[in-house]
Amino acid sequence: MAGYLKALTTVSRSAAAALSQNPAALSPAAVCQHRLQKRNYATKRIKVDQPVVEMDGDEMTRIIWEFIKEKLILPNVDVELMYFDLGLPYRDQTNDQVTIDSALATKKYNVAVKCATITPDEARVEEFKLKKMWKSPNGTIRNILGGTVFREPILCKNIPRLVPGWTQPITIGRHAFGDQYRATDFVVDQPGKFKIVFSPADGSKQREWEVYDFPAGGCGMGMYNTDESISGFAHSCFQYAIQKKWPLYMSTKNTILKAYDGRFKDIFQDIFEKKYKPEFDKLKIWYEHRLIDDMVAQVLKSSGGFVWACKNYDGDVQSDILAQGFGSLGLMTSVLVCPDGKTIEAEAAHGTVTRHYREHQRGRPTSTNPIASIFAWTRGLEHRGKLDGNPDLIKFSQTLEKVCVETVESVYCLCKLNEHYVNTSDFLDAIKTNLDKALGK
């Protein structure tokens, strides 16, 4: 993968070599300084008035991310990037403050593009000699921004689907707040009572629920959500369904969690009836609540063409099932849409591809699929174009997406997608060549 190091035109050759071995080899300050240096481009670029927040990541996706930015995006788009290094070493160095700062910047500028990042486990803590096991950066960002993560497959004619009946895309909307992802869980090693207590802020009488009387060791958990967050989730889903002109289904297990999941069901129904039903009727689409087990069965039998709203954990699981059913996790868009309707964060729906990064460190070629990372850039830039009223930026984003699909369909496939494959640098070079042709260069 030496070709990648030649592609990192914003850094010196020695710095690029360091970057391939250590994602945090360049400090954010150094990288930001490079961002401020004036580049010389042979062609006219599309001017973007407002900044875009860039969140860098880890391992193989970090290397691919830089190639995409320097070879596909910046030669064609004149945009100010507010850079945040979310590589694990720098998150550790800043006590994860960089993650919080990146989310706050996204709130300010309304558009962010994010590279895949490592969520550390015990092994990663040891590998990187971390101060602590930091939380998922995606979880931190989502808890600050709120909203809904919408994931949708990227369809290519020559990529076989594990569920052949899915002839149209299915968009899954995952609630991006609370539940298991902000839960308190614990282990007990002796008999005892597990209780939940609610103490009203106004000082009125507290309420108490006995959850379980442990006869011996076991485990427990307490989790929560808020009316405000559930309402934001509902608005995002209804607005997205209207935008797509597709029906919306929302799934829970309210027959078991009568109060908890019932709250989701009731809030969705109330908001639909009060605000969105006339528009749904006008578009001849519909909203329906279904039990999660029934919905899973219906999804497998369907031909697609709808939006599926899921609670946080359900969306985490079902989005991966949808991705694989349509062909690959590497062919999935992922966009966090906030309740304000104008703030988004676009990212790749997969991880940092550690196995390929280890091969890259050994100097071996890899076949990493870059398409989801490219679409993170295009979805972010397209939204920037919509907010700013910039049709040229919108057209560029759509052209790059079309070029990616056409390149895959014209034999250039990665081993994750098909049995015939090329290595990553050749595939990215092919996309660049085809993009230049599409742009008339």
Protein backbone atom coordinates (compact mmCIF):
# COMPACT_ATOMS: atom_id res chain seq x y z
CA MET A 1 0.00 0.00 0.00
CA ALA A 2 2.95 2.34 -0.57
CA GLY A 3 0.75 4.18 -3.04
CA TYR A 4 -1.18 5.64 -0.14
CA LEU A 5 1.85 7.34 1.32
CA LYS A 6 2.51 9.08 -1.99
CA ALA A 7 -1.09 10.28 -1.93
CA LEU A 8 -0.80 12.12 1.38
CA THR A 9 0.10 15.42 -0.24
CA THR A 10 -0.59 17.60 2.79
CA VAL A 11 2.23 16.07 4.82
CA SER A 12 5.89 15.38 4.19
CA ARG A 13 7.06 11.95 3.06
CA SER A 14 8.57 11.23 6.47
CA ALA A 15 5.42 12.37 8.27
CA ALA A 16 3.30 10.21 5.99
CA ALA A 17 5.43 7.20 6.82
CA ALA A 18 4.96 7.93 10.51
CA LEU A 19 1.23 8.33 10.03
CA SER A 20 0.96 4.86 8.49
CA GLN A 21 2.45 3.38 11.66
CA ASN A 22 0.90 5.67 14.26
CA PRO A 23 -2.45 7.38 13.63
CA ALA A 24 -1.54 10.17 16.05
CA ALA A 25 1.93 10.81 14.61
CA LEU A 26 0.74 14.26 13.54
CA SER A 27 -0.78 16.44 16.22
CA PRO A 28 -4.09 18.16 15.41
CA ALA A 29 -2.32 21.51 15.69
CA ALA A 30 0.20 20.45 13.03
CA VAL A 31 -2.51 19.09 10.78
CA CYS A 32 -4.64 22.22 11.21
CA GLN A 33 -1.62 24.35 10.28
CA HIS A 34 -1.32 22.38 7.06
CA ARG A 35 -5.02 22.92 6.43
CA LEU A 36 -4.38 26.67 6.52
CA GLN A 37 -1.61 26.55 3.94
CA LYS A 38 -2.75 27.61 0.49
CA ARG A 39 -2.78 24.77 -2.01
CA ASN A 40 -2.33 25.17 -5.73
CA TYR A 41 -4.85 23.34 -7.89
CA ALA A 42 -4.84 23.22 -11.67
CA THR A 43 -8.61 23.30 -11.98
CA LYS A 44 -11.35 25.57 -10.73
CA ARG A 45 -12.91 24.29 -7.53
CA ILE A 46 -16.43 24.60 -6.17
CA LYS A 47 -16.46 27.33 -3.53
CA VAL A 48 -18.20 26.40 -0.26
CA ASP A 49 -19.23 29.33 1.93
CA GLN A 50 -19.59 27.57 5.29
CA PRO A 51 -17.17 25.16 7.02
CA VAL A 52 -17.55 21.40 7.39
CA VAL A 53 -16.40 19.61 10.55
CA GLU A 54 -13.97 16.78 9.80
CA MET A 55 -13.50 14.00 12.38
CA ASP A 56 -10.46 11.85 11.61
CA GLY A 57 -10.28 8.22 12.72
CA ASP A 58 -8.14 5.13 13.15
CA GLU A 59 -6.21 2.41 11.36
CA MET A 60 -6.97 1.44 7.76
CA THR A 61 -9.93 3.76 7.43
CA ARG A 62 -7.75 6.71 8.49
CA ILE A 63 -5.36 6.03 5.62
CA ILE A 64 -8.18 5.64 3.10
CA TRP A 65 -9.87 8.76 4.52
CA GLU A 66 -6.81 10.87 3.74
CA PHE A 67 -6.64 9.54 0.18
CA ILE A 68 -10.32 10.34 -0.40
CA LYS A 69 -9.92 13.85 0.94
CA GLU A 70 -6.72 14.69 -0.94
CA LYS A 71 -7.49 12.99 -4.26
CA LEU A 72 -11.27 13.13 -4.64
CA ILE A 73 -12.60 15.98 -2.49
CA LEU A 74 -10.13 18.86 -2.13
CA PRO A 75 -9.01 19.02 -5.80
CA ASN A 76 -12.66 19.71 -6.66
CA VAL A 77 -14.12 21.46 -3.60
CA ASP A 78 -12.80 24.61 -1.92
CA VAL A 79 -14.08 24.04 1.62
CA GLU A 80 -12.80 25.01 5.05
CA LEU A 81 -12.46 21.87 7.16
CA MET A 82 -12.69 22.23 10.94
CA TYR A 83 -10.36 19.33 11.76
CA PHE A 84 -10.61 17.14 14.89
CA ASP A 85 -8.31 14.17 15.40
CA LEU A 86 -10.50 11.41 16.86
CA GLY A 87 -7.74 8.83 16.51
CA LEU A 88 -7.59 6.83 19.74
CA PRO A 89 -4.14 8.10 20.87
CA TYR A 90 -5.26 11.72 20.71
CA ARG A 91 -8.58 10.97 22.38
CA ASP A 92 -6.54 9.49 25.21
CA GLN A 93 -4.17 12.46 25.27
CA THR A 94 -7.06 14.92 25.60
CA ASN A 95 -9.07 12.74 28.02
CA ASP A 96 -11.67 12.44 25.24
CA GLN A 97 -12.26 16.20 25.22
CA VAL A 98 -11.55 16.24 21.47
CA THR A 99 -14.63 14.07 20.91
CA ILE A 100 -16.82 16.46 22.89
CA ASP A 101 -15.34 19.45 21.07
CA SER A 102 -16.03 17.86 17.68
CA ALA A 103 -19.69 17.33 18.59
CA LEU A 104 -20.05 20.93 19.80
CA ALA A 105 -18.46 22.16 16.57
CA THR A 106 -20.99 20.08 14.63
CA LYS A 107 -23.78 21.83 16.53
CA LYS A 108 -22.28 25.16 15.49
CA TYR A 109 -21.60 24.44 11.81
CA ASN A 110 -24.42 21.90 11.19
CA VAL A 111 -22.41 19.48 9.02
CA ALA A 112 -19.77 16.91 9.99
CA VAL A 113 -18.07 14.04 8.20
CA LYS A 114 -16.55 11.29 10.33
CA CYS A 115 -13.99 8.57 9.71
CA ALA A 116 -14.40 5.21 11.46
CA THR A 117 -12.90 5.11 14.97
CA ILE A 118 -11.84 2.51 17.53
CA THR A 119 -14.04 1.91 20.56
CA PRO A 120 -11.51 0.49 23.03
CA ASP A 121 -11.94 -2.79 24.89
CA GLU A 122 -9.51 -4.37 27.37
CA ALA A 123 -7.13 -5.46 24.60
CA ARG A 124 -7.06 -1.97 23.07
CA VAL A 125 -6.40 -0.38 26.46
CA GLU A 126 -3.30 -2.55 26.72
CA GLU A 127 -2.27 -2.08 23.07
CA PHE A 128 -2.43 1.73 23.22
CA LYS A 129 -1.49 2.04 26.92
CA LEU A 130 -4.62 4.09 27.51
CA LYS A 131 -5.41 5.99 30.69
CA LYS A 132 -8.83 4.32 30.80
CA MET A 133 -11.32 2.48 28.62
CA TRP A 134 -12.86 5.45 26.83
CA LYS A 135 -16.48 5.31 25.73
CA SER A 136 -17.55 4.92 22.12
CA PRO A 137 -16.89 8.23 20.33
CA ASN A 138 -20.02 7.63 18.26
CA GLY A 139 -22.03 7.24 21.45
CA THR A 140 -20.56 10.42 22.92
CA ILE A 141 -21.30 12.41 19.76
CA ARG A 142 -24.83 11.03 19.46
CA ASN A 143 -25.62 11.77 23.09
CA ILE A 144 -24.57 15.41 22.59
CA LEU A 145 -26.32 15.89 19.24
CA GLY A 146 -29.34 13.64 19.78
CA GLY A 147 -31.38 12.69 16.74
CA THR A 148 -31.52 9.56 14.64
CA VAL A 149 -28.95 7.54 12.70
CA PHE A 150 -30.32 6.70 9.26
CA ARG A 151 -28.62 3.85 7.42
CA GLU A 152 -29.38 2.94 3.84
CA PRO A 153 -27.77 0.44 1.43
CA ILE A 154 -25.79 1.50 -1.62
CA LEU A 155 -27.17 -0.68 -4.41
CA CYS A 156 -24.95 -2.05 -7.19
CA LYS A 157 -26.37 -4.25 -9.94
CA ASN A 158 -23.54 -6.79 -9.85
CA ILE A 159 -23.40 -7.26 -6.07
CA PRO A 160 -25.48 -10.31 -5.10
CA ARG A 161 -27.94 -9.85 -2.24
CA LEU A 162 -28.33 -12.46 0.46
CA VAL A 163 -32.02 -11.49 0.51
CA PRO A 164 -32.83 -11.43 -3.23
CA GLY A 165 -36.36 -10.18 -2.62
CA TRP A 166 -35.05 -6.80 -1.47
CA THR A 167 -35.35 -5.00 -4.79
CA GLN A 168 -35.69 -1.54 -3.23
CA PRO A 169 -33.61 0.06 -0.45
CA ILE A 170 -34.68 -0.14 3.19
CA THR A 171 -33.68 2.79 5.38
CA ILE A 172 -33.30 2.03 9.07
CA GLY A 173 -33.62 4.89 11.57
CA ARG A 174 -31.82 4.13 14.83
CA HIS A 175 -32.61 6.23 17.89
CA ALA A 176 -29.27 7.71 18.90
CA PHE A 177 -29.80 8.28 22.62
CA GLY A 178 -30.09 6.36 25.88
CA ASP A 179 -31.31 2.82 26.61
CA GLN A 180 -28.49 0.26 26.95
CA TYR A 181 -25.94 2.78 25.66
CA ARG A 182 -26.26 5.02 28.71
CA ALA A 183 -27.26 2.31 31.16
CA THR A 184 -25.74 1.52 34.54
CA ASP A 185 -25.03 -2.19 34.83
CA PHE A 186 -23.39 -4.16 37.60
CA VAL A 187 -22.55 -7.60 38.96
CA VAL A 188 -23.42 -8.82 42.47
CA ASP A 189 -21.72 -11.72 44.22
CA GLN A 190 -24.12 -12.34 47.11
CA PRO A 191 -27.85 -12.47 47.98
CA GLY A 192 -29.67 -9.15 48.22
CA LYS A 193 -32.41 -6.90 46.88
CA PHE A 194 -32.10 -4.85 43.70
CA LYS A 195 -34.27 -1.70 43.84
CA ILE A 196 -34.83 1.33 41.64
CA VAL A 197 -35.56 4.66 43.35
CA PHE A 198 -36.87 7.88 41.77
CA SER A 199 -36.42 11.06 43.82
CA PRO A 200 -38.47 13.99 42.39
CA ALA A 201 -36.54 17.25 42.01
CA ASP A 202 -39.36 19.16 43.73
CA GLY A 203 -38.75 17.28 46.96
CA SER A 204 -42.01 15.35 46.87
CA LYS A 205 -42.21 11.75 48.01
CA GLN A 206 -39.78 9.43 46.29
CA ARG A 207 -40.94 6.29 44.54
CA GLU A 208 -39.33 2.89 44.80
CA TRP A 209 -39.57 -0.32 42.77
CA GLU A 210 -38.17 -3.67 43.81
CA VAL A 211 -36.67 -5.28 40.70
CA TYR A 212 -35.37 -8.60 42.03
CA ASP A 213 -34.45 -10.41 45.22
CA PHE A 214 -31.16 -12.16 44.39
CA PRO A 215 -30.78 -15.57 46.09
CA ALA A 216 -27.11 -15.57 45.03
CA GLY A 217 -24.79 -13.76 42.61
CA GLY A 218 -26.05 -12.27 39.36
CA CYS A 219 -26.17 -9.06 37.36
CA GLY A 220 -28.48 -6.08 36.98
CA MET A 221 -29.03 -2.95 34.92
CA GLY A 222 -30.89 0.34 35.02
CA MET A 223 -31.51 2.37 31.86
CA TYR A 224 -33.56 5.36 30.76
CA ASN A 225 -34.77 7.62 27.98
CA THR A 226 -36.46 11.02 27.87
CA ASP A 227 -39.65 12.37 26.32
CA GLU A 228 -37.60 15.09 24.63
CA SER A 229 -35.26 12.60 22.96
CA ILE A 230 -38.06 10.25 21.91
CA SER A 231 -39.95 13.20 20.43
CA GLY A 232 -36.87 14.28 18.49
CA PHE A 233 -36.48 10.71 17.23
CA ALA A 234 -40.10 10.71 16.07
CA HIS A 235 -39.84 14.05 14.27
CA SER A 236 -36.64 12.97 12.48
CA CYS A 237 -38.25 9.72 11.31
CA PHE A 238 -41.48 11.33 10.09
CA GLN A 239 -39.54 14.05 8.25
CA TYR A 240 -37.22 11.50 6.66
CA ALA A 241 -40.13 9.34 5.49
CA ILE A 242 -41.75 12.41 3.91
CA GLN A 243 -38.47 13.28 2.20
CA LYS A 244 -38.15 9.73 0.81
CA LYS A 245 -41.90 9.47 0.11
CA TRP A 246 -41.85 6.05 1.78
CA PRO A 247 -44.06 4.57 4.52
CA LEU A 248 -42.68 4.51 8.07
CA TYR A 249 -42.77 1.58 10.48
CA MET A 250 -41.73 1.84 14.13
CA SER A 251 -41.01 -1.31 16.14
CA THR A 252 -40.90 -1.95 19.90
CA LYS A 253 -41.68 -4.77 22.33
CA ASN A 254 -44.40 -2.86 24.18
CA THR A 255 -46.22 -6.10 25.05
CA ILE A 256 -43.36 -6.87 27.45
CA LEU A 257 -42.02 -3.41 28.35
CA LYS A 258 -45.46 -1.90 28.70
CA ALA A 259 -44.34 1.39 30.26
CA TYR A 260 -40.89 1.82 28.67
CA ASP A 261 -41.60 0.76 25.08
CA GLY A 262 -45.18 1.90 25.46
CA ARG A 263 -43.83 5.43 25.94
CA PHE A 264 -42.14 5.26 22.53
CA LYS A 265 -45.32 3.97 20.90
CA ASP A 266 -47.55 6.63 22.48
CA ILE A 267 -45.25 9.58 21.69
CA PHE A 268 -44.84 8.51 18.06
CA GLN A 269 -48.59 8.10 17.61
CA ASP A 270 -49.39 11.43 19.24
CA ILE A 271 -46.87 13.36 17.12
CA PHE A 272 -48.03 11.62 13.95
CA GLU A 273 -51.69 12.44 14.54
CA LYS A 274 -51.03 16.07 15.50
CA LYS A 275 -48.44 17.05 12.91
CA TYR A 276 -47.66 14.61 10.12
CA LYS A 277 -50.80 12.65 9.19
CA PRO A 278 -52.07 15.18 6.60
CA GLU A 279 -48.74 15.17 4.75
CA PHE A 280 -48.54 11.36 4.86
CA ASP A 281 -52.08 11.14 3.46
CA LYS A 282 -51.20 13.60 0.72
CA LEU A 283 -48.22 11.47 -0.33
CA LYS A 284 -50.27 8.27 0.00
CA ILE A 285 -47.83 6.80 2.51
CA TRP A 286 -48.55 5.60 6.02
CA TYR A 287 -47.19 5.18 9.55
CA GLU A 288 -47.61 1.97 11.53
CA HIS A 289 -46.31 0.59 14.83
CA ARG A 290 -45.37 -3.10 14.93
CA LEU A 291 -43.87 -5.49 17.44
CA ILE A 292 -40.17 -5.98 16.76
CA ASP A 293 -40.44 -9.75 16.17
CA ASP A 294 -43.33 -9.30 13.75
CA MET A 295 -41.48 -6.49 12.00
CA VAL A 296 -38.34 -8.58 11.47
CA ALA A 297 -40.41 -11.26 9.77
CA GLN A 298 -42.19 -8.68 7.60
CA VAL A 299 -38.90 -7.07 6.57
CA LEU A 300 -37.53 -10.39 5.30
CA LYS A 301 -40.71 -10.97 3.27
CA SER A 302 -40.85 -7.44 1.86
CA SER A 303 -39.40 -6.00 -1.34
CA GLY A 304 -38.12 -2.89 0.50
CA GLY A 305 -39.04 0.72 -0.07
CA PHE A 306 -39.77 1.91 3.48
CA VAL A 307 -38.24 3.55 6.56
CA TRP A 308 -37.90 1.44 9.70
CA ALA A 309 -37.62 3.29 13.02
CA CYS A 310 -35.84 1.27 15.72
CA LYS A 311 -34.90 1.85 19.33
CA ASN A 312 -31.18 2.24 19.99
CA TYR A 313 -30.18 -1.42 20.51
CA ASP A 314 -32.61 -2.79 17.91
CA GLY A 315 -31.23 -0.36 15.35
CA ASP A 316 -27.66 -1.31 16.19
CA VAL A 317 -28.37 -4.98 15.47
CA GLN A 318 -30.86 -4.72 12.62
CA SER A 319 -28.80 -2.20 10.62
CA ASP A 320 -25.96 -4.74 10.33
CA ILE A 321 -28.43 -7.42 9.27
CA LEU A 322 -29.80 -5.11 6.58
CA ALA A 323 -26.31 -4.19 5.41
CA GLN A 324 -25.26 -7.81 4.99
CA GLY A 325 -28.58 -8.74 3.43
CA PHE A 326 -28.08 -6.08 0.77
CA GLY A 327 -24.49 -7.16 0.13
CA SER A 328 -21.96 -5.65 2.53
CA LEU A 329 -21.39 -3.35 5.50
CA GLY A 330 -19.02 -1.54 3.16
CA LEU A 331 -22.01 -0.59 1.01
CA MET A 332 -24.04 1.25 3.63
CA THR A 333 -24.53 4.96 4.23
CA SER A 334 -24.87 6.24 7.80
CA VAL A 335 -26.12 9.75 8.61
CA LEU A 336 -27.03 11.14 12.03
CA VAL A 337 -29.94 13.56 11.54
CA CYS A 338 -30.63 15.89 14.48
CA PRO A 339 -34.12 17.00 15.55
CA ASP A 340 -33.51 20.56 14.30
CA GLY A 341 -33.67 19.17 10.76
CA LYS A 342 -30.48 20.94 9.66
CA THR A 343 -27.62 19.38 11.65
CA ILE A 344 -26.15 16.10 10.41
CA GLU A 345 -23.07 13.94 10.90
CA ALA A 346 -22.22 11.50 8.09
CA GLU A 347 -19.96 8.51 8.71
CA ALA A 348 -19.04 5.08 7.40
CA ALA A 349 -21.22 2.32 8.86
CA HIS A 350 -18.31 -0.06 9.46
CA GLY A 351 -15.25 -0.28 11.71
CA THR A 352 -11.59 0.61 11.26
CA VAL A 353 -10.70 -2.62 9.37
CA THR A 354 -7.97 -3.67 11.80
CA ARG A 355 -7.07 -6.88 9.95
CA HIS A 356 -6.29 -4.96 6.77
CA TYR A 357 -4.35 -2.35 8.74
CA ARG A 358 -2.09 -5.07 10.14
CA GLU A 359 -1.44 -6.24 6.58
CA HIS A 360 -0.72 -2.67 5.53
CA GLN A 361 1.78 -2.28 8.39
CA ARG A 362 3.60 -5.33 7.02
CA GLY A 363 3.84 -3.66 3.63
CA ARG A 364 1.30 -5.93 1.97
CA PRO A 365 -1.48 -4.76 -0.38
CA THR A 366 -5.02 -4.81 0.95
CA SER A 367 -8.49 -4.89 -0.58
CA THR A 368 -10.34 -2.55 1.78
CA ASN A 369 -13.68 -1.25 0.52
CA PRO A 370 -13.61 2.60 0.61
CA ILE A 371 -17.11 3.27 -0.70
CA ALA A 372 -18.86 3.89 2.64
CA SER A 373 -16.12 6.37 3.59
CA ILE A 374 -16.54 8.16 0.25
CA PHE A 375 -20.29 8.35 0.81
CA ALA A 376 -19.68 9.86 4.26
CA TRP A 377 -18.00 12.77 2.48
CA THR A 378 -20.63 13.02 -0.27
CA ARG A 379 -23.62 12.92 2.09
CA GLY A 380 -22.05 15.59 4.28
CA LEU A 381 -21.13 17.83 1.35
CA GLU A 382 -24.53 17.37 -0.29
CA HIS A 383 -26.23 18.50 2.93
CA ARG A 384 -23.85 21.48 3.15
CA GLY A 385 -24.90 22.33 -0.39
CA LYS A 386 -28.59 22.14 0.51
CA LEU A 387 -28.14 24.36 3.57
CA ASP A 388 -26.07 26.91 1.65
CA GLY A 389 -28.09 26.84 -1.58
CA ASN A 390 -25.07 25.55 -3.53
CA PRO A 391 -26.32 23.47 -6.49
CA ASP A 392 -22.79 22.88 -7.82
CA LEU A 393 -21.76 21.22 -4.55
CA ILE A 394 -24.91 19.07 -4.57
CA LYS A 395 -24.24 18.02 -8.17
CA PHE A 396 -20.60 17.16 -7.40
CA SER A 397 -21.62 14.98 -4.44
CA GLN A 398 -24.20 13.13 -6.51
CA THR A 399 -21.73 12.70 -9.38
CA LEU A 400 -19.09 11.17 -7.10
CA GLU A 401 -21.65 8.72 -5.69
CA LYS A 402 -22.74 7.75 -9.21
CA VAL A 403 -19.11 7.25 -10.24
CA CYS A 404 -18.50 4.94 -7.26
CA VAL A 405 -21.44 2.72 -8.18
CA GLU A 406 -20.55 2.68 -11.87
CA THR A 407 -16.94 1.79 -11.06
CA VAL A 408 -18.09 -1.19 -9.01
CA GLU A 409 -20.49 -2.24 -11.74
CA SER A 410 -17.72 -2.06 -14.35
CA VAL A 411 -15.75 -4.97 -12.85
CA TYR A 412 -13.77 -3.03 -10.23
CA CYS A 413 -14.86 -4.91 -7.10
CA LEU A 414 -13.22 -5.62 -3.78
CA CYS A 415 -13.03 -9.09 -2.31
CA LYS A 416 -15.63 -8.22 0.34
CA LEU A 417 -18.03 -7.51 -2.51
CA ASN A 418 -17.20 -10.15 -5.09
CA GLU A 419 -14.82 -13.04 -5.78
CA HIS A 420 -12.94 -10.93 -8.35
CA TYR A 421 -11.04 -8.10 -6.70
CA VAL A 422 -8.41 -5.41 -7.04
CA ASN A 423 -6.39 -3.80 -4.28
CA THR A 424 -7.57 -0.65 -2.58
CA SER A 425 -5.16 1.84 -4.13
CA ASP A 426 -5.97 0.64 -7.67
CA PHE A 427 -9.69 0.86 -6.95
CA LEU A 428 -9.40 4.39 -5.57
CA ASP A 429 -7.27 5.41 -8.55
CA ALA A 430 -9.98 4.03 -10.85
CA ILE A 431 -12.62 6.10 -9.04
CA LYS A 432 -10.44 9.22 -9.37
CA THR A 433 -9.95 8.60 -13.10
CA ASN A 434 -13.68 8.06 -13.64
CA LEU A 435 -14.55 11.11 -11.52
CA ASP A 436 -12.21 13.30 -13.55
CA LYS A 437 -13.89 12.07 -16.74
CA ALA A 438 -17.36 12.71 -15.32
CA LEU A 439 -16.31 16.24 -14.36
CA GLY A 440 -14.87 16.87 -17.82
CA LYS A 441 -11.24 17.11 -16.73
